[in-house]
Amino acid sequence: MQTLFKEITPKRYVNGNEMKENSSNVLDQYFTKPSVALKCFQKACEVIKKYENLDDFIFLEPSAGDGVFYDLFPKNRRIGIDIEPKRDGFIQCDFLNYKLPTHQKVICLGNPPFGHRGVMALEFINHARNCDFVCFILPMFFESQGKGSIKYRVKGLNLLYSERLEKKCVYRF
């Protein structure tokens, strides 16, 4: 499966250079601790409730993996997507090729693959930008204040909230 994925996926580039690949974890799969997922979900709901009624939204986990965020979403208003799901019930596809719902309000929440220097996370953010809210665990690269910071390449979104999470809040499956 991983070999097939590598063959059909176009190479990703950073500043014109081919992106480094983590050969021991080709799909960049890291999983969120349940306690951290719960904290993130609760905080996202708290922030979004200031602006909107949560009952009007469907929830989407774009890299669902083992479903730690998905399991927190309302049962009749949730979508889980993963290129290599670790359980049944998810749509098996690359989120970057997934056509987002257009006639529903969507909250996209999860822990996307980071990729080298946060490039994959940026691609997930930019693909999800048509969602009403995008709530992601992101690498420290997004905190950089430098003029070349990856956070300046986020298109069409405004930051509503950010906080640092505990160390070792994610793990390899």
C-alpha atoms as a PDB file:
ATOM      1  CA  MET A   1       0.000   0.000   0.000  1.00  0.00           C
ATOM      2  CA  GLN A   2       2.721   2.501   0.875  1.00  0.00           C
ATOM      3  CA  THR A   3       4.618   1.765  -2.327  1.00  0.00           C
ATOM      4  CA  LEU A   4       1.475   2.390  -4.389  1.00  0.00           C
ATOM      5  CA  PHE A   5       0.880   5.632  -2.498  1.00  0.00           C
ATOM      6  CA  LYS A   6       4.399   6.816  -3.226  1.00  0.00           C
ATOM      7  CA  GLU A   7       4.005   6.074  -6.935  1.00  0.00           C
ATOM      8  CA  ILE A   8       0.730   7.932  -7.460  1.00  0.00           C
ATOM      9  CA  THR A   9       1.410  10.910  -5.210  1.00  0.00           C
ATOM     10  CA  PRO A  10       3.162  13.842  -6.856  1.00  0.00           C
ATOM     11  CA  LYS A  11       6.360  14.986  -5.187  1.00  0.00           C
ATOM     12  CA  ARG A  12       5.989  17.965  -2.857  1.00  0.00           C
ATOM     13  CA  TYR A  13       8.425  20.838  -2.943  1.00  0.00           C
ATOM     14  CA  VAL A  14       9.676  23.446  -0.481  1.00  0.00           C
ATOM     15  CA  ASN A  15      11.203  26.571  -2.024  1.00  0.00           C
ATOM     16  CA  GLY A  16      11.851  24.654  -5.247  1.00  0.00           C
ATOM     17  CA  ASN A  17      13.580  21.741  -3.506  1.00  0.00           C
ATOM     18  CA  GLU A  18      12.125  18.259  -3.199  1.00  0.00           C
ATOM     19  CA  MET A  19      10.586  17.711   0.231  1.00  0.00           C
ATOM     20  CA  LYS A  20      12.363  15.255   2.524  1.00  0.00           C
ATOM     21  CA  GLU A  21      10.482  12.028   3.132  1.00  0.00           C
ATOM     22  CA  ASN A  22      10.380  10.242   6.451  1.00  0.00           C
ATOM     23  CA  SER A  23      11.037   6.712   5.181  1.00  0.00           C
ATOM     24  CA  SER A  24      10.018   5.171   8.513  1.00  0.00           C
ATOM     25  CA  ASN A  25       6.624   6.947   8.431  1.00  0.00           C
ATOM     26  CA  VAL A  26       5.863   7.726   4.769  1.00  0.00           C
ATOM     27  CA  LEU A  27       2.311   8.935   5.428  1.00  0.00           C
ATOM     28  CA  ASP A  28       3.468  11.103   8.370  1.00  0.00           C
ATOM     29  CA  GLN A  29       0.970   9.414  10.688  1.00  0.00           C
ATOM     30  CA  TYR A  30       0.926  10.652  14.260  1.00  0.00           C
ATOM     31  CA  PHE A  31      -2.026  10.162  16.562  1.00  0.00           C
ATOM     32  CA  THR A  32      -3.407  12.524  19.192  1.00  0.00           C
ATOM     33  CA  LYS A  33      -3.759  11.471  22.812  1.00  0.00           C
ATOM     34  CA  PRO A  34      -7.487  11.236  23.705  1.00  0.00           C
ATOM     35  CA  SER A  35      -7.139  13.770  26.543  1.00  0.00           C
ATOM     36  CA  VAL A  36      -5.552  16.284  24.159  1.00  0.00           C
ATOM     37  CA  ALA A  37      -8.230  15.688  21.503  1.00  0.00           C
ATOM     38  CA  LEU A  38     -10.938  16.296  24.099  1.00  0.00           C
ATOM     39  CA  LYS A  39      -9.264  19.521  25.241  1.00  0.00           C
ATOM     40  CA  CYS A  40      -8.939  20.744  21.628  1.00  0.00           C
ATOM     41  CA  PHE A  41     -12.535  19.807  20.780  1.00  0.00           C
ATOM     42  CA  GLN A  42     -13.898  21.567  23.876  1.00  0.00           C
ATOM     43  CA  LYS A  43     -11.825  24.693  23.208  1.00  0.00           C
ATOM     44  CA  ALA A  44     -12.883  24.779  19.539  1.00  0.00           C
ATOM     45  CA  CYS A  45     -16.547  24.528  20.545  1.00  0.00           C
ATOM     46  CA  GLU A  46     -16.100  27.248  23.169  1.00  0.00           C
ATOM     47  CA  VAL A  47     -14.549  29.646  20.633  1.00  0.00           C
ATOM     48  CA  ILE A  48     -16.977  28.857  17.791  1.00  0.00           C
ATOM     49  CA  LYS A  49     -20.033  29.261  20.081  1.00  0.00           C
ATOM     50  CA  LYS A  50     -19.094  32.939  20.393  1.00  0.00           C
ATOM     51  CA  TYR A  51     -19.877  33.342  16.688  1.00  0.00           C
ATOM     52  CA  GLU A  52     -22.263  30.562  15.621  1.00  0.00           C
ATOM     53  CA  ASN A  53     -24.724  27.897  16.769  1.00  0.00           C
ATOM     54  CA  LEU A  54     -22.847  24.573  16.767  1.00  0.00           C
ATOM     55  CA  ASP A  55     -26.048  22.684  15.917  1.00  0.00           C
ATOM     56  CA  ASP A  56     -25.891  24.199  12.416  1.00  0.00           C
ATOM     57  CA  PHE A  57     -22.606  22.452  11.555  1.00  0.00           C
ATOM     58  CA  ILE A  58     -21.271  19.105  10.479  1.00  0.00           C
ATOM     59  CA  PHE A  59     -17.855  18.141  11.835  1.00  0.00           C
ATOM     60  CA  LEU A  60     -15.107  16.783   9.605  1.00  0.00           C
ATOM     61  CA  GLU A  61     -11.891  15.081  10.687  1.00  0.00           C
ATOM     62  CA  PRO A  62      -9.616  15.175   7.599  1.00  0.00           C
ATOM     63  CA  SER A  63      -6.967  12.704   8.789  1.00  0.00           C
ATOM     64  CA  ALA A  64      -9.147  10.560  11.021  1.00  0.00           C
ATOM     65  CA  GLY A  65      -6.687   7.712  11.668  1.00  0.00           C
ATOM     66  CA  ASP A  66      -8.083   5.988  14.756  1.00  0.00           C
ATOM     67  CA  GLY A  67     -10.963   8.489  15.166  1.00  0.00           C
ATOM     68  CA  VAL A  68      -9.941  10.231  18.371  1.00  0.00           C
ATOM     69  CA  PHE A  69     -11.575  13.516  17.264  1.00  0.00           C
ATOM     70  CA  TYR A  70     -14.306  11.829  15.207  1.00  0.00           C
ATOM     71  CA  ASP A  71     -15.596  10.003  18.294  1.00  0.00           C
ATOM     72  CA  LEU A  72     -16.168  13.372  19.999  1.00  0.00           C
ATOM     73  CA  PHE A  73     -18.316  14.745  17.162  1.00  0.00           C
ATOM     74  CA  PRO A  74     -22.144  14.508  17.182  1.00  0.00           C
ATOM     75  CA  LYS A  75     -22.999  11.072  15.744  1.00  0.00           C
ATOM     76  CA  ASN A  76     -25.403  12.291  13.067  1.00  0.00           C
ATOM     77  CA  ARG A  77     -23.206  15.200  11.931  1.00  0.00           C
ATOM     78  CA  ARG A  78     -19.710  13.848  11.392  1.00  0.00           C
ATOM     79  CA  ILE A  79     -17.395  12.837   8.567  1.00  0.00           C
ATOM     80  CA  GLY A  80     -14.081  11.016   8.970  1.00  0.00           C
ATOM     81  CA  ILE A  81     -11.577  10.877   6.118  1.00  0.00           C
ATOM     82  CA  ASP A  82      -8.218   9.129   6.008  1.00  0.00           C
ATOM     83  CA  ILE A  83      -5.863   7.904   3.321  1.00  0.00           C
ATOM     84  CA  GLU A  84      -5.151   4.808   5.454  1.00  0.00           C
ATOM     85  CA  PRO A  85      -7.858   4.533   8.134  1.00  0.00           C
ATOM     86  CA  LYS A  86      -7.136   2.492  11.229  1.00  0.00           C
ATOM     87  CA  ARG A  87     -10.780   1.438  11.607  1.00  0.00           C
ATOM     88  CA  ASP A  88     -14.038   1.086   9.676  1.00  0.00           C
ATOM     89  CA  GLY A  89     -16.530   3.876   9.085  1.00  0.00           C
ATOM     90  CA  PHE A  90     -14.274   6.467   7.450  1.00  0.00           C
ATOM     91  CA  ILE A  91     -14.085   7.605   3.854  1.00  0.00           C
ATOM     92  CA  GLN A  92     -10.807   6.232   2.541  1.00  0.00           C
ATOM     93  CA  CYS A  93      -9.190   8.937   0.431  1.00  0.00           C
ATOM     94  CA  ASP A  94      -6.552  11.643   0.491  1.00  0.00           C
ATOM     95  CA  PHE A  95      -8.165  14.706   2.082  1.00  0.00           C
ATOM     96  CA  LEU A  96      -6.356  16.893  -0.448  1.00  0.00           C
ATOM     97  CA  ASN A  97      -8.450  15.190  -3.176  1.00  0.00           C
ATOM     98  CA  TYR A  98     -11.713  15.218  -1.183  1.00  0.00           C
ATOM     99  CA  LYS A  99     -14.505  17.480  -2.423  1.00  0.00           C
ATOM    100  CA  LEU A 100     -15.711  19.409   0.605  1.00  0.00           C
ATOM    101  CA  PRO A 101     -19.472  19.746   1.222  1.00  0.00           C
ATOM    102  CA  THR A 102     -20.687  22.994  -0.357  1.00  0.00           C
ATOM    103  CA  HIS A 103     -24.251  23.292   0.934  1.00  0.00           C
ATOM    104  CA  GLN A 104     -23.529  22.658   4.596  1.00  0.00           C
ATOM    105  CA  LYS A 105     -21.710  24.538   7.301  1.00  0.00           C
ATOM    106  CA  VAL A 106     -18.529  22.630   8.162  1.00  0.00           C
ATOM    107  CA  ILE A 107     -16.092  22.645  11.068  1.00  0.00           C
ATOM    108  CA  CYS A 108     -12.856  20.905  10.073  1.00  0.00           C
ATOM    109  CA  LEU A 109     -11.038  19.731  13.201  1.00  0.00           C
ATOM    110  CA  GLY A 110      -8.102  17.417  13.770  1.00  0.00           C
ATOM    111  CA  ASN A 111      -4.397  16.744  13.651  1.00  0.00           C
ATOM    112  CA  PRO A 112      -3.219  16.829  10.018  1.00  0.00           C
ATOM    113  CA  PRO A 113       0.095  15.332   8.931  1.00  0.00           C
ATOM    114  CA  PHE A 114       2.748  18.016   9.384  1.00  0.00           C
ATOM    115  CA  GLY A 115       5.198  17.048   6.662  1.00  0.00           C
ATOM    116  CA  HIS A 116       8.671  18.543   6.321  1.00  0.00           C
ATOM    117  CA  ARG A 117       8.678  22.065   7.809  1.00  0.00           C
ATOM    118  CA  GLY A 118       4.875  21.988   8.124  1.00  0.00           C
ATOM    119  CA  VAL A 119       4.211  21.892   4.376  1.00  0.00           C
ATOM    120  CA  MET A 120       1.582  19.108   4.557  1.00  0.00           C
ATOM    121  CA  ALA A 121      -0.220  20.888   7.395  1.00  0.00           C
ATOM    122  CA  LEU A 122      -0.283  24.044   5.268  1.00  0.00           C
ATOM    123  CA  GLU A 123      -1.762  22.080   2.355  1.00  0.00           C
ATOM    124  CA  PHE A 124      -4.478  20.692   4.649  1.00  0.00           C
ATOM    125  CA  ILE A 125      -5.277  24.189   5.942  1.00  0.00           C
ATOM    126  CA  ASN A 126      -5.458  25.657   2.465  1.00  0.00           C
ATOM    127  CA  HIS A 127      -7.632  22.780   1.191  1.00  0.00           C
ATOM    128  CA  ALA A 128      -9.995  23.247   4.169  1.00  0.00           C
ATOM    129  CA  ARG A 129     -10.229  27.031   3.776  1.00  0.00           C
ATOM    130  CA  ASN A 130     -13.773  26.783   2.376  1.00  0.00           C
ATOM    131  CA  CYS A 131     -14.935  25.255   5.649  1.00  0.00           C
ATOM    132  CA  ASP A 132     -16.488  27.718   8.062  1.00  0.00           C
ATOM    133  CA  PHE A 133     -13.936  26.945  10.778  1.00  0.00           C
ATOM    134  CA  VAL A 134     -10.596  25.113  10.605  1.00  0.00           C
ATOM    135  CA  CYS A 135      -9.232  23.892  13.942  1.00  0.00           C
ATOM    136  CA  PHE A 136      -5.928  22.031  13.745  1.00  0.00           C
ATOM    137  CA  ILE A 137      -3.060  20.914  15.910  1.00  0.00           C
ATOM    138  CA  LEU A 138      -0.088  22.459  14.104  1.00  0.00           C
ATOM    139  CA  PRO A 139       3.697  22.271  14.402  1.00  0.00           C
ATOM    140  CA  MET A 140       5.712  25.019  16.070  1.00  0.00           C
ATOM    141  CA  PHE A 141       6.742  26.302  12.623  1.00  0.00           C
ATOM    142  CA  PHE A 142       3.429  28.184  12.542  1.00  0.00           C
ATOM    143  CA  GLU A 143       4.445  30.300  15.556  1.00  0.00           C
ATOM    144  CA  SER A 144       7.493  31.770  13.864  1.00  0.00           C
ATOM    145  CA  GLN A 145       7.435  35.548  13.448  1.00  0.00           C
ATOM    146  CA  GLY A 146      10.046  35.530  10.668  1.00  0.00           C
ATOM    147  CA  LYS A 147       9.138  37.020   7.307  1.00  0.00           C
ATOM    148  CA  GLY A 148       9.421  33.589   5.652  1.00  0.00           C
ATOM    149  CA  SER A 149       7.164  31.892   8.220  1.00  0.00           C
ATOM    150  CA  ILE A 150       4.819  29.248   6.875  1.00  0.00           C
ATOM    151  CA  LYS A 151       1.891  30.907   8.680  1.00  0.00           C
ATOM    152  CA  TYR A 152       2.014  33.743   6.157  1.00  0.00           C
ATOM    153  CA  ARG A 153       1.147  31.246   3.403  1.00  0.00           C
ATOM    154  CA  VAL A 154      -2.259  30.424   4.890  1.00  0.00           C
ATOM    155  CA  LYS A 155      -4.803  31.733   2.363  1.00  0.00           C
ATOM    156  CA  GLY A 156      -8.104  33.418   3.238  1.00  0.00           C
ATOM    157  CA  LEU A 157      -8.331  32.553   6.941  1.00  0.00           C
ATOM    158  CA  ASN A 158      -8.018  34.585  10.135  1.00  0.00           C
ATOM    159  CA  LEU A 159      -6.594  33.188  13.371  1.00  0.00           C
ATOM    160  CA  LEU A 160      -9.209  33.253  16.152  1.00  0.00           C
ATOM    161  CA  TYR A 161      -7.357  31.289  18.829  1.00  0.00           C
ATOM    162  CA  SER A 162      -4.046  29.577  19.467  1.00  0.00           C
ATOM    163  CA  GLU A 163      -2.403  27.887  22.427  1.00  0.00           C
ATOM    164  CA  ARG A 164       0.570  25.647  23.049  1.00  0.00           C
ATOM    165  CA  LEU A 165      -0.240  22.062  23.855  1.00  0.00           C
ATOM    166  CA  GLU A 166       1.556  19.784  26.281  1.00  0.00           C
ATOM    167  CA  LYS A 167       4.725  18.076  25.116  1.00  0.00           C
ATOM    168  CA  LYS A 168       4.300  14.614  23.611  1.00  0.00           C
ATOM    169  CA  CYS A 169       0.616  15.211  22.848  1.00  0.00           C
ATOM    170  CA  VAL A 170       0.877  12.980  19.749  1.00  0.00           C
ATOM    171  CA  TYR A 171       2.345   9.507  19.225  1.00  0.00           C
ATOM    172  CA  ARG A 172       3.090   7.068  16.408  1.00  0.00           C
ATOM    173  CA  PHE A 173       0.562   4.263  15.933  1.00  0.00           C
END
